[in-house]
Protein backbone atom coordinates (compact mmCIF):
# COMPACT_ATOMS: atom_id res chain seq x y z
CA MET A 1 -43.80 7.28 32.77
CA ASP A 2 -43.26 5.12 29.59
CA LEU A 3 -46.69 4.33 27.74
CA PRO A 4 -46.64 1.70 24.72
CA THR A 5 -46.63 3.82 21.33
CA ALA A 6 -45.42 1.35 18.61
CA TRP A 7 -44.50 -2.22 18.76
CA ASN A 8 -41.16 -3.94 19.94
CA LEU A 9 -38.99 -4.54 17.07
CA ASP A 10 -36.92 -6.71 18.81
CA ASP A 11 -39.75 -9.09 20.81
CA LYS A 12 -41.69 -10.59 18.57
CA SER A 13 -42.54 -13.96 16.80
CA SER A 14 -40.07 -14.89 14.04
CA TYR A 15 -43.52 -15.34 11.97
CA LEU A 16 -43.86 -11.60 12.09
CA SER A 17 -42.12 -8.70 10.31
CA VAL A 18 -42.19 -5.03 11.43
CA ASP A 19 -42.04 -1.58 9.47
CA GLU A 20 -39.58 1.09 10.45
CA SER A 21 -42.45 3.06 12.05
CA GLY A 22 -42.85 0.13 14.43
CA LEU A 23 -46.93 0.74 13.47
CA ARG A 24 -47.41 -1.88 10.78
CA VAL A 25 -46.93 -5.81 11.58
CA ASN A 26 -47.10 -8.43 9.28
CA TYR A 27 -47.21 -11.95 9.11
CA GLU A 28 -44.92 -14.22 7.13
CA GLY A 29 -45.72 -17.44 8.09
CA LEU A 30 -47.84 -19.93 5.84
CA GLY A 31 -50.56 -20.45 8.34
CA GLU A 32 -50.92 -24.21 7.69
CA ARG A 33 -50.23 -25.35 11.83
CA GLN A 34 -50.63 -23.86 15.30
CA THR A 35 -47.11 -24.08 15.47
CA GLU A 36 -47.02 -21.25 12.60
CA THR A 37 -48.51 -18.71 15.05
CA GLY A 38 -47.13 -14.92 15.61
CA ALA A 39 -47.36 -12.57 18.78
CA ILE A 40 -45.89 -9.15 19.29
CA ARG A 41 -45.37 -7.00 22.39
CA ALA A 42 -45.29 -3.27 22.68
CA ASN A 43 -42.34 -1.27 22.94
CA HIS A 44 -43.21 -0.39 26.59
CA PRO A 45 -45.77 -2.32 29.10
CA ILE A 46 -49.19 -0.65 30.30
CA PRO A 47 -47.81 0.62 33.50
CA PRO A 48 -49.71 -1.40 36.54
CA HIS A 49 -50.85 1.65 38.31
CA CYS A 50 -52.97 2.86 34.78
CA MET A 51 -56.28 2.29 35.72
CA LEU A 52 -57.57 2.67 32.12
CA PHE A 53 -55.79 2.14 29.02
CA TYR A 54 -57.32 3.15 25.24
CA PHE A 55 -55.25 1.28 21.93
CA GLU A 56 -56.94 0.53 18.77
CA VAL A 57 -55.55 -2.07 16.02
CA ASP A 58 -56.70 -1.83 12.18
CA ILE A 59 -56.84 -5.32 10.85
CA ILE A 60 -56.11 -4.47 7.03
CA ASP A 61 -56.18 -8.11 5.58
CA GLU A 62 -57.45 -10.95 7.83
CA GLY A 63 -55.45 -13.35 5.92
CA GLU A 64 -56.50 -16.56 4.15
CA ASN A 65 -57.70 -18.49 7.41
CA LYS A 66 -59.02 -15.27 9.08
CA ILE A 67 -57.70 -15.92 12.60
CA ILE A 68 -56.70 -13.17 14.52
CA GLY A 69 -55.70 -12.65 18.39
CA ILE A 70 -55.42 -9.44 19.93
CA GLY A 71 -54.82 -9.74 23.88
CA PHE A 72 -52.39 -8.85 26.65
CA CYS A 73 -49.70 -10.97 27.61
CA ASP A 74 -46.74 -11.21 30.46
CA LYS A 75 -43.39 -10.98 29.54
CA GLU A 76 -42.72 -14.47 29.60
CA PHE A 77 -45.25 -15.64 27.60
CA ASN A 78 -44.24 -17.54 24.28
CA LEU A 79 -44.41 -15.06 21.25
CA ASN A 80 -45.15 -18.39 19.15
CA ARG A 81 -48.91 -18.78 20.47
CA MET A 82 -51.99 -17.26 20.07
CA PRO A 83 -53.04 -14.75 23.00
CA GLY A 84 -55.30 -16.70 25.27
CA TRP A 85 -54.03 -20.25 24.32
CA ASP A 86 -51.76 -20.79 27.62
CA ASP A 87 -50.79 -19.12 31.07
CA GLY A 88 -49.65 -15.81 30.97
CA SER A 89 -52.30 -14.58 28.75
CA GLY A 90 -56.01 -14.21 28.23
CA VAL A 91 -56.73 -14.56 31.71
CA ILE A 92 -59.88 -12.66 32.19
CA THR A 93 -59.14 -10.90 35.48
CA GLU A 94 -55.53 -10.33 34.51
CA MET A 95 -55.15 -10.17 31.06
CA MET A 96 -58.06 -9.27 29.12
CA ALA A 97 -57.70 -10.97 25.74
CA LEU A 98 -59.78 -11.18 22.71
CA HIS A 99 -59.55 -14.27 20.33
CA SER A 100 -61.66 -14.14 17.36
CA GLU A 101 -62.47 -16.12 13.85
CA ILE A 102 -63.58 -13.39 11.58
């Protein structure tokens, strides 16, 4: 069973960059419009039969606008959108998204 262990270098918004380890993500956009949003998927999905899955995210720099979304999404979710904004993410019974303005 493959579990998520890093970010997927090839399954991300064009506004994001990922370091070689796959553990650090940087936002490269200007953040001036909602269309300049970035999301990234893990290197493996959480298996559906996994009843409990734990992960941590450290926010090193919240950015100028201080808007960060952390959540879950399906494979078809638009990675240029914030988790919880559209169908395919943020549904509490299915996706459990956290969206916060720091």
